[in-house]
PDB file of N, CA and C in Angstrom:
ATOM      1  N   MET A   1      38.824 217.524 150.889  1.00  0.00           N
ATOM      2  CA  MET A   1      38.133 218.544 151.442  1.00  0.00           C
ATOM      3  C   MET A   1      36.685 217.765 150.935  1.00  0.00           C
ATOM      4  N   GLN A   2      35.263 217.977 151.708  1.00  0.00           N
ATOM      5  CA  GLN A   2      34.265 217.657 150.717  1.00  0.00           C
ATOM      6  C   GLN A   2      33.592 218.935 150.318  1.00  0.00           C
ATOM      7  N   SER A   3      33.106 218.779 149.646  1.00  0.00           N
ATOM      8  CA  SER A   3      32.309 219.996 148.897  1.00  0.00           C
ATOM      9  C   SER A   3      31.099 220.252 149.888  1.00  0.00           C
ATOM     10  N   TRP A   4      30.317 221.669 149.643  1.00  0.00           N
ATOM     11  CA  TRP A   4      29.292 221.844 150.743  1.00  0.00           C
ATOM     12  C   TRP A   4      28.446 221.107 150.373  1.00  0.00           C
ATOM     13  N   PRO A   5      27.377 221.128 149.130  1.00  0.00           N
ATOM     14  CA  PRO A   5      26.225 220.344 148.355  1.00  0.00           C
ATOM     15  C   PRO A   5      27.044 218.483 149.110  1.00  0.00           C
ATOM     16  N   ASP A   6      28.004 217.970 148.856  1.00  0.00           N
ATOM     17  CA  ASP A   6      28.162 216.741 149.384  1.00  0.00           C
ATOM     18  C   ASP A   6      27.963 216.687 151.166  1.00  0.00           C
ATOM     19  N   ALA A   7      28.686 217.600 151.531  1.00  0.00           N
ATOM     20  CA  ALA A   7      28.613 217.576 153.108  1.00  0.00           C
ATOM     21  C   ALA A   7      26.880 217.995 153.702  1.00  0.00           C
ATOM     22  N   LEU A   8      26.463 218.758 152.913  1.00  0.00           N
ATOM     23  CA  LEU A   8      24.964 218.902 153.347  1.00  0.00           C
ATOM     24  C   LEU A   8      24.144 217.503 152.875  1.00  0.00           C
ATOM     25  N   ALA A   9      24.361 216.836 151.846  1.00  0.00           N
ATOM     26  CA  ALA A   9      23.857 215.833 151.457  1.00  0.00           C
ATOM     27  C   ALA A   9      24.010 214.472 152.685  1.00  0.00           C
ATOM     28  N   ALA A  10      25.074 214.406 153.205  1.00  0.00           N
ATOM     29  CA  ALA A  10      25.773 213.657 154.285  1.00  0.00           C
ATOM     30  C   ALA A  10      25.191 214.104 155.634  1.00  0.00           C
ATOM     31  N   GLY A  11      24.716 215.159 155.610  1.00  0.00           N
ATOM     32  CA  GLY A  11      24.330 215.651 156.994  1.00  0.00           C
ATOM     33  C   GLY A  11      25.173 216.309 157.887  1.00  0.00           C
ATOM     34  N   ARG A  12      26.593 216.651 157.396  1.00  0.00           N
ATOM     35  CA  ARG A  12      27.517 217.258 157.975  1.00  0.00           C
ATOM     36  C   ARG A  12      27.486 218.682 157.918  1.00  0.00           C
ATOM     37  N   VAL A  13      26.597 219.454 157.629  1.00  0.00           N
ATOM     38  CA  VAL A  13      26.802 220.680 157.809  1.00  0.00           C
ATOM     39  C   VAL A  13      25.882 221.235 159.027  1.00  0.00           C
ATOM     40  N   PRO A  14      26.305 221.760 159.874  1.00  0.00           N
ATOM     41  CA  PRO A  14      25.856 222.352 161.257  1.00  0.00           C
ATOM     42  C   PRO A  14      24.637 223.102 160.953  1.00  0.00           C
ATOM     43  N   TRP A  15      23.749 222.970 161.511  1.00  0.00           N
ATOM     44  CA  TRP A  15      22.415 223.464 161.406  1.00  0.00           C
ATOM     45  C   TRP A  15      22.650 224.982 162.625  1.00  0.00           C
ATOM     46  N   THR A  16      21.715 225.846 162.454  1.00  0.00           N
ATOM     47  CA  THR A  16      21.133 227.218 163.337  1.00  0.00           C
ATOM     48  C   THR A  16      19.883 226.969 163.563  1.00  0.00           C
ATOM     49  N   VAL A  17      19.669 226.861 165.006  1.00  0.00           N
ATOM     50  CA  VAL A  17      18.333 227.294 165.311  1.00  0.00           C
ATOM     51  C   VAL A  17      18.457 229.001 166.136  1.00  0.00           C
ATOM     52  N   TYR A  18      17.569 229.682 165.696  1.00  0.00           N
ATOM     53  CA  TYR A  18      17.512 231.260 165.981  1.00  0.00           C
ATOM     54  C   TYR A  18      16.426 231.792 166.124  1.00  0.00           C
ATOM     55  N   LEU A  19      16.394 232.784 166.853  1.00  0.00           N
ATOM     56  CA  LEU A  19      15.132 233.776 167.170  1.00  0.00           C
ATOM     57  C   LEU A  19      15.366 235.318 166.550  1.00  0.00           C
ATOM     58  N   LEU A  20      14.669 235.461 165.789  1.00  0.00           N
ATOM     59  CA  LEU A  20      14.559 237.216 165.702  1.00  0.00           C
ATOM     60  C   LEU A  20      13.230 237.845 166.282  1.00  0.00           C
ATOM     61  N   ARG A  21      14.027 238.950 166.402  1.00  0.00           N
ATOM     62  CA  ARG A  21      12.693 239.916 167.224  1.00  0.00           C
ATOM     63  C   ARG A  21      12.414 240.956 165.967  1.00  0.00           C
ATOM     64  N   CYS A  22      11.145 240.890 165.654  1.00  0.00           N
ATOM     65  CA  CYS A  22      10.440 241.627 164.435  1.00  0.00           C
ATOM     66  C   CYS A  22       9.908 242.995 165.200  1.00  0.00           C
ATOM     67  N   GLY A  23       9.709 243.621 164.095  1.00  0.00           N
ATOM     68  CA  GLY A  23       9.490 245.336 163.907  1.00  0.00           C
ATOM     69  C   GLY A  23       8.597 245.322 165.125  1.00  0.00           C
ATOM     70  N   ASP A  24       7.694 244.412 165.259  1.00  0.00           N
ATOM     71  CA  ASP A  24       6.145 244.670 166.164  1.00  0.00           C
ATOM     72  C   ASP A  24       6.466 244.271 167.364  1.00  0.00           C
ATOM     73  N   GLY A  25       7.897 243.964 167.824  1.00  0.00           N
ATOM     74  CA  GLY A  25       8.351 243.324 169.088  1.00  0.00           C
ATOM     75  C   GLY A  25       7.837 241.606 169.504  1.00  0.00           C
ATOM     76  N   THR A  26       7.498 240.877 168.500  1.00  0.00           N
ATOM     77  CA  THR A  26       7.022 239.776 168.845  1.00  0.00           C
ATOM     78  C   THR A  26       8.414 239.153 168.400  1.00  0.00           C
ATOM     79  N   LEU A  27       8.426 237.479 168.477  1.00  0.00           N
ATOM     80  CA  LEU A  27       9.519 236.670 168.177  1.00  0.00           C
ATOM     81  C   LEU A  27       9.773 235.448 167.056  1.00  0.00           C
ATOM     82  N   TYR A  28      10.413 235.344 166.183  1.00  0.00           N
ATOM     83  CA  TYR A  28      10.144 234.583 165.179  1.00  0.00           C
ATOM     84  C   TYR A  28      10.998 233.140 165.452  1.00  0.00           C
ATOM     85  N   THR A  29      11.008 231.991 165.556  1.00  0.00           N
ATOM     86  CA  THR A  29      11.964 230.973 165.512  1.00  0.00           C
ATOM     87  C   THR A  29      11.824 230.306 164.465  1.00  0.00           C
ATOM     88  N   GLY A  30      13.380 229.812 163.705  1.00  0.00           N
ATOM     89  CA  GLY A  30      13.328 229.134 162.755  1.00  0.00           C
ATOM     90  C   GLY A  30      14.655 228.381 162.791  1.00  0.00           C
ATOM     91  N   ILE A  31      15.011 227.530 161.580  1.00  0.00           N
ATOM     92  CA  ILE A  31      16.192 226.727 161.617  1.00  0.00           C
ATOM     93  C   ILE A  31      16.839 227.297 160.058  1.00  0.00           C
ATOM     94  N   THR A  32      18.100 226.860 160.013  1.00  0.00           N
ATOM     95  CA  THR A  32      18.897 227.328 158.743  1.00  0.00           C
ATOM     96  C   THR A  32      20.349 226.467 158.613  1.00  0.00           C
ATOM     97  N   ASN A  33      21.055 226.093 157.875  1.00  0.00           N
ATOM     98  CA  ASN A  33      21.772 225.795 157.553  1.00  0.00           C
ATOM     99  C   ASN A  33      23.031 226.578 157.111  1.00  0.00           C
ATOM    100  N   ASP A  34      22.870 228.232 156.641  1.00  0.00           N
ATOM    101  CA  ASP A  34      23.219 229.038 156.393  1.00  0.00           C
ATOM    102  C   ASP A  34      22.690 230.461 156.624  1.00  0.00           C
ATOM    103  N   LEU A  35      23.362 230.868 158.540  1.00  0.00           N
ATOM    104  CA  LEU A  35      22.727 232.295 158.724  1.00  0.00           C
ATOM    105  C   LEU A  35      22.744 233.266 158.247  1.00  0.00           C
ATOM    106  N   PRO A  36      24.153 233.656 157.915  1.00  0.00           N
ATOM    107  CA  PRO A  36      23.946 234.717 157.081  1.00  0.00           C
ATOM    108  C   PRO A  36      22.994 235.101 156.167  1.00  0.00           C
ATOM    109  N   GLN A  37      22.922 234.070 155.349  1.00  0.00           N
ATOM    110  CA  GLN A  37      21.959 233.872 154.189  1.00  0.00           C
ATOM    111  C   GLN A  37      20.696 234.257 154.308  1.00  0.00           C
ATOM    112  N   ARG A  38      20.018 233.439 155.448  1.00  0.00           N
ATOM    113  CA  ARG A  38      18.725 233.575 155.958  1.00  0.00           C
ATOM    114  C   ARG A  38      18.497 234.787 156.427  1.00  0.00           C
ATOM    115  N   LEU A  39      19.282 235.218 157.156  1.00  0.00           N
ATOM    116  CA  LEU A  39      18.768 236.609 158.293  1.00  0.00           C
ATOM    117  C   LEU A  39      18.730 237.570 156.766  1.00  0.00           C
ATOM    118  N   GLU A  40      19.450 237.592 155.730  1.00  0.00           N
ATOM    119  CA  GLU A  40      19.293 238.798 154.493  1.00  0.00           C
ATOM    120  C   GLU A  40      18.096 238.533 154.005  1.00  0.00           C
ATOM    121  N   SER A  41      17.665 237.133 153.683  1.00  0.00           N
ATOM    122  CA  SER A  41      16.460 236.997 153.078  1.00  0.00           C
ATOM    123  C   SER A  41      15.249 237.426 154.161  1.00  0.00           C
ATOM    124  N   HIS A  42      15.151 237.254 155.161  1.00  0.00           N
ATOM    125  CA  HIS A  42      14.448 237.889 155.988  1.00  0.00           C
ATOM    126  C   HIS A  42      14.584 239.377 156.336  1.00  0.00           C
ATOM    127  N   ARG A  43      15.604 240.045 156.025  1.00  0.00           N
ATOM    128  CA  ARG A  43      15.414 241.300 156.148  1.00  0.00           C
ATOM    129  C   ARG A  43      15.073 241.912 154.629  1.00  0.00           C
ATOM    130  N   ARG A  44      15.184 241.027 153.639  1.00  0.00           N
ATOM    131  CA  ARG A  44      14.645 241.767 152.114  1.00  0.00           C
ATOM    132  C   ARG A  44      13.262 241.243 152.307  1.00  0.00           C
ATOM    133  N   GLY A  45      12.687 240.593 153.258  1.00  0.00           N
ATOM    134  CA  GLY A  45      11.260 240.442 153.093  1.00  0.00           C
ATOM    135  C   GLY A  45      10.749 238.829 152.498  1.00  0.00           C
ATOM    136  N   LYS A  46      11.838 237.966 151.851  1.00  0.00           N
ATOM    137  CA  LYS A  46      11.836 237.061 151.099  1.00  0.00           C
ATOM    138  C   LYS A  46      11.629 235.780 151.886  1.00  0.00           C
ATOM    139  N   ALA A  47      11.863 235.449 153.219  1.00  0.00           N
ATOM    140  CA  ALA A  47      11.990 234.081 153.959  1.00  0.00           C
ATOM    141  C   ALA A  47      10.559 233.565 154.243  1.00  0.00           C
ATOM    142  N   SER A  48       9.976 234.135 154.693  1.00  0.00           N
ATOM    143  CA  SER A  48       8.425 233.881 155.576  1.00  0.00           C
ATOM    144  C   SER A  48       7.366 235.368 155.466  1.00  0.00           C
ATOM    145  N   ALA A  49       6.444 234.824 155.144  1.00  0.00           N
ATOM    146  CA  ALA A  49       5.125 235.704 155.039  1.00  0.00           C
ATOM    147  C   ALA A  49       4.921 236.590 156.526  1.00  0.00           C
ATOM    148  N   TYR A  50       5.407 235.670 157.684  1.00  0.00           N
ATOM    149  CA  TYR A  50       5.545 236.301 159.120  1.00  0.00           C
ATOM    150  C   TYR A  50       6.191 237.693 159.177  1.00  0.00           C
ATOM    151  N   THR A  51       7.455 237.326 158.854  1.00  0.00           N
ATOM    152  CA  THR A  51       8.444 238.319 158.973  1.00  0.00           C
ATOM    153  C   THR A  51       8.653 239.502 158.293  1.00  0.00           C
ATOM    154  N   ARG A  52       7.958 239.014 156.950  1.00  0.00           N
ATOM    155  CA  ARG A  52       7.910 240.046 155.926  1.00  0.00           C
ATOM    156  C   ARG A  52       6.632 241.294 156.258  1.00  0.00           C
ATOM    157  N   ALA A  53       6.008 240.648 157.343  1.00  0.00           N
ATOM    158  CA  ALA A  53       4.839 241.633 157.803  1.00  0.00           C
ATOM    159  C   ALA A  53       5.103 242.448 158.715  1.00  0.00           C
ATOM    160  N   ARG A  54       6.297 242.049 159.401  1.00  0.00           N
ATOM    161  CA  ARG A  54       6.656 242.400 160.639  1.00  0.00           C
ATOM    162  C   ARG A  54       8.355 243.158 160.907  1.00  0.00           C
ATOM    163  N   LEU A  55       8.854 243.736 159.486  1.00  0.00           N
ATOM    164  CA  LEU A  55      10.248 244.262 159.575  1.00  0.00           C
ATOM    165  C   LEU A  55       9.935 245.574 160.232  1.00  0.00           C
ATOM    166  N   PRO A  56      11.494 245.570 160.670  1.00  0.00           N
ATOM    167  CA  PRO A  56      12.665 244.944 160.237  1.00  0.00           C
ATOM    168  C   PRO A  56      12.593 243.924 161.348  1.00  0.00           C
ATOM    169  N   VAL A  57      13.662 243.174 161.136  1.00  0.00           N
ATOM    170  CA  VAL A  57      14.018 242.063 162.115  1.00  0.00           C
ATOM    171  C   VAL A  57      15.608 241.982 162.644  1.00  0.00           C
ATOM    172  N   THR A  58      15.989 241.663 163.536  1.00  0.00           N
ATOM    173  CA  THR A  58      17.026 241.483 164.345  1.00  0.00           C
ATOM    174  C   THR A  58      17.132 240.228 164.597  1.00  0.00           C
ATOM    175  N   LEU A  59      18.612 239.968 164.899  1.00  0.00           N
ATOM    176  CA  LEU A  59      18.939 238.454 165.162  1.00  0.00           C
ATOM    177  C   LEU A  59      18.878 238.310 167.059  1.00  0.00           C
ATOM    178  N   ALA A  60      18.013 237.683 167.543  1.00  0.00           N
ATOM    179  CA  ALA A  60      17.839 238.043 169.156  1.00  0.00           C
ATOM    180  C   ALA A  60      18.737 236.683 170.052  1.00  0.00           C
ATOM    181  N   TYR A  61      18.827 235.793 169.001  1.00  0.00           N
ATOM    182  CA  TYR A  61      19.553 234.511 169.812  1.00  0.00           C
ATOM    183  C   TYR A  61      20.044 233.407 168.646  1.00  0.00           C
ATOM    184  N   GLN A  62      21.065 232.764 168.610  1.00  0.00           N
ATOM    185  CA  GLN A  62      21.118 231.240 167.866  1.00  0.00           C
ATOM    186  C   GLN A  62      21.871 230.509 168.847  1.00  0.00           C
ATOM    187  N   GLU A  63      21.901 228.946 168.075  1.00  0.00           N
ATOM    188  CA  GLU A  63      22.157 228.228 168.683  1.00  0.00           C
ATOM    189  C   GLU A  63      22.663 227.206 167.790  1.00  0.00           C
ATOM    190  N   THR A  64      23.759 226.498 167.571  1.00  0.00           N
ATOM    191  CA  THR A  64      24.418 225.703 166.504  1.00  0.00           C
ATOM    192  C   THR A  64      23.983 224.313 167.074  1.00  0.00           C
ATOM    193  N   ILE A  65      23.389 223.667 165.967  1.00  0.00           N
ATOM    194  CA  ILE A  65      22.976 222.000 166.291  1.00  0.00           C
ATOM    195  C   ILE A  65      23.730 221.173 165.108  1.00  0.00           C
ATOM    196  N   ALA A  66      24.246 219.909 165.641  1.00  0.00           N
ATOM    197  CA  ALA A  66      25.087 219.318 164.804  1.00  0.00           C
ATOM    198  C   ALA A  66      24.170 218.897 163.521  1.00  0.00           C
ATOM    199  N   ASP A  67      23.104 218.491 163.699  1.00  0.00           N
ATOM    200  CA  ASP A  67      22.245 217.908 162.327  1.00  0.00           C
ATOM    201  C   ASP A  67      20.796 218.607 162.443  1.00  0.00           C
ATOM    202  N   ARG A  68      20.448 218.188 161.072  1.00  0.00           N
ATOM    203  CA  ARG A  68      18.892 219.092 160.624  1.00  0.00           C
ATOM    204  C   ARG A  68      17.881 218.302 161.764  1.00  0.00           C
ATOM    205  N   SER A  69      17.988 217.038 161.773  1.00  0.00           N
ATOM    206  CA  SER A  69      16.734 216.308 162.933  1.00  0.00           C
ATOM    207  C   SER A  69      16.657 216.852 164.161  1.00  0.00           C
ATOM    208  N   SER A  70      18.069 216.943 164.675  1.00  0.00           N
ATOM    209  CA  SER A  70      18.143 217.814 166.183  1.00  0.00           C
ATOM    210  C   SER A  70      17.683 219.051 166.208  1.00  0.00           C
ATOM    211  N   ALA A  71      18.202 220.124 165.256  1.00  0.00           N
ATOM    212  CA  ALA A  71      17.819 221.262 164.856  1.00  0.00           C
ATOM    213  C   ALA A  71      16.264 221.326 165.058  1.00  0.00           C
ATOM    214  N   LEU A  72      15.543 220.591 163.996  1.00  0.00           N
ATOM    215  CA  LEU A  72      13.973 220.634 163.781  1.00  0.00           C
ATOM    216  C   LEU A  72      13.323 220.311 165.530  1.00  0.00           C
ATOM    217  N   LYS A  73      14.299 219.359 166.271  1.00  0.00           N
ATOM    218  CA  LYS A  73      13.653 219.131 167.573  1.00  0.00           C
ATOM    219  C   LYS A  73      13.765 220.162 168.828  1.00  0.00           C
ATOM    220  N   ARG A  74      15.062 220.869 168.349  1.00  0.00           N
ATOM    221  CA  ARG A  74      15.185 222.032 169.285  1.00  0.00           C
ATOM    222  C   ARG A  74      14.425 223.310 168.965  1.00  0.00           C
ATOM    223  N   GLU A  75      14.265 223.394 167.418  1.00  0.00           N
ATOM    224  CA  GLU A  75      13.087 224.319 167.011  1.00  0.00           C
ATOM    225  C   GLU A  75      11.510 224.311 167.626  1.00  0.00           C
ATOM    226  N   ALA A  76      11.104 222.979 167.604  1.00  0.00           N
ATOM    227  CA  ALA A  76      10.003 222.704 168.160  1.00  0.00           C
ATOM    228  C   ALA A  76       9.419 222.846 169.628  1.00  0.00           C
ATOM    229  N   ALA A  77      10.921 222.606 170.362  1.00  0.00           N
ATOM    230  CA  ALA A  77      11.101 222.683 171.980  1.00  0.00           C
ATOM    231  C   ALA A  77      10.872 224.531 172.321  1.00  0.00           C
ATOM    232  N   ILE A  78      11.728 225.008 171.288  1.00  0.00           N
ATOM    233  CA  ILE A  78      11.544 226.498 171.791  1.00  0.00           C
ATOM    234  C   ILE A  78      10.502 227.127 171.398  1.00  0.00           C
ATOM    235  N   ARG A  79       9.949 226.555 170.482  1.00  0.00           N
ATOM    236  CA  ARG A  79       8.319 227.277 169.876  1.00  0.00           C
ATOM    237  C   ARG A  79       7.111 226.850 170.814  1.00  0.00           C
ATOM    238  N   ARG A  80       7.542 225.869 171.810  1.00  0.00           N
ATOM    239  CA  ARG A  80       6.471 225.689 172.935  1.00  0.00           C
ATOM    240  C   ARG A  80       6.959 226.457 174.077  1.00  0.00           C
ATOM    241  N   LEU A  81       7.861 227.092 174.167  1.00  0.00           N
ATOM    242  CA  LEU A  81       8.466 227.946 175.338  1.00  0.00           C
ATOM    243  C   LEU A  81       7.343 229.113 175.278  1.00  0.00           C
ATOM    244  N   SER A  82       7.188 229.772 176.484  1.00  0.00           N
ATOM    245  CA  SER A  82       6.344 231.052 176.793  1.00  0.00           C
ATOM    246  C   SER A  82       6.950 232.257 176.283  1.00  0.00           C
ATOM    247  N   ARG A  83       6.672 232.927 176.007  1.00  0.00           N
ATOM    248  CA  ARG A  83       7.286 234.464 175.640  1.00  0.00           C
ATOM    249  C   ARG A  83       8.036 234.718 176.545  1.00  0.00           C
ATOM    250  N   ALA A  84       8.124 234.785 177.919  1.00  0.00           N
ATOM    251  CA  ALA A  84       8.709 234.680 178.687  1.00  0.00           C
ATOM    252  C   ALA A  84      10.283 234.063 178.760  1.00  0.00           C
ATOM    253  N   GLU A  85       9.747 232.932 178.505  1.00  0.00           N
ATOM    254  CA  GLU A  85      10.960 232.060 178.841  1.00  0.00           C
ATOM    255  C   GLU A  85      11.890 231.873 177.367  1.00  0.00           C
ATOM    256  N   LYS A  86      11.376 232.499 176.568  1.00  0.00           N
ATOM    257  CA  LYS A  86      11.987 232.804 174.930  1.00  0.00           C
ATOM    258  C   LYS A  86      12.970 234.115 175.066  1.00  0.00           C
ATOM    259  N   VAL A  87      12.689 235.100 175.932  1.00  0.00           N
ATOM    260  CA  VAL A  87      13.046 236.161 176.196  1.00  0.00           C
ATOM    261  C   VAL A  87      14.365 235.960 176.977  1.00  0.00           C
ATOM    262  N   ALA A  88      13.908 235.224 177.963  1.00  0.00           N
ATOM    263  CA  ALA A  88      15.074 234.621 179.045  1.00  0.00           C
ATOM    264  C   ALA A  88      16.176 234.222 178.333  1.00  0.00           C
ATOM    265  N   LEU A  89      16.005 233.343 177.368  1.00  0.00           N
ATOM    266  CA  LEU A  89      16.596 232.603 176.421  1.00  0.00           C
ATOM    267  C   LEU A  89      17.473 233.363 175.674  1.00  0.00           C
ATOM    268  N   CYS A  90      16.981 234.429 175.134  1.00  0.00           N
ATOM    269  CA  CYS A  90      17.629 235.291 174.347  1.00  0.00           C
ATOM    270  C   CYS A  90      18.890 235.838 175.478  1.00  0.00           C
ATOM    271  N   ILE A  91      18.380 236.422 176.401  1.00  0.00           N
ATOM    272  CA  ILE A  91      18.838 237.331 177.288  1.00  0.00           C
ATOM    273  C   ILE A  91      20.343 236.067 178.103  1.00  0.00           C
ATOM    274  N   ALA A  92      20.198 234.875 178.125  1.00  0.00           N
ATOM    275  CA  ALA A  92      21.113 234.176 178.579  1.00  0.00           C
ATOM    276  C   ALA A  92      21.976 233.913 177.189  1.00  0.00           C
ATOM    277  N   GLY A  93      21.850 233.952 176.206  1.00  0.00           N
ATOM    278  CA  GLY A  93      22.490 233.246 174.904  1.00  0.00           C
ATOM    279  C   GLY A  93      23.339 234.540 174.449  1.00  0.00           C
ATOM    280  N   THR A  94      23.189 236.001 175.320  1.00  0.00           N
ATOM    281  CA  THR A  94      24.118 236.823 174.760  1.00  0.00           C
ATOM    282  C   THR A  94      25.055 237.358 175.458  1.00  0.00           C
TER     283      THR A  94
END
């Protein structure tokens, strides 16, 4: 069995594109290869200045992607969506 660092280096660890609903009602889009850890970082105000200023945050949507490159492309596509389209994505994903 391959270790986590080796799998990560080989690009075999799945990535997650996620949307957070912030305390002020805005949506934050990001990617990670360890969603539970990243969510905890956001909740502690350690992940990004944007979410730190808008606590609390809750997970609104998540999508598993095979590799980092594809996850970055999907994140960019989601960021280009209108707010209404992002909300619809969150509703459809639940």
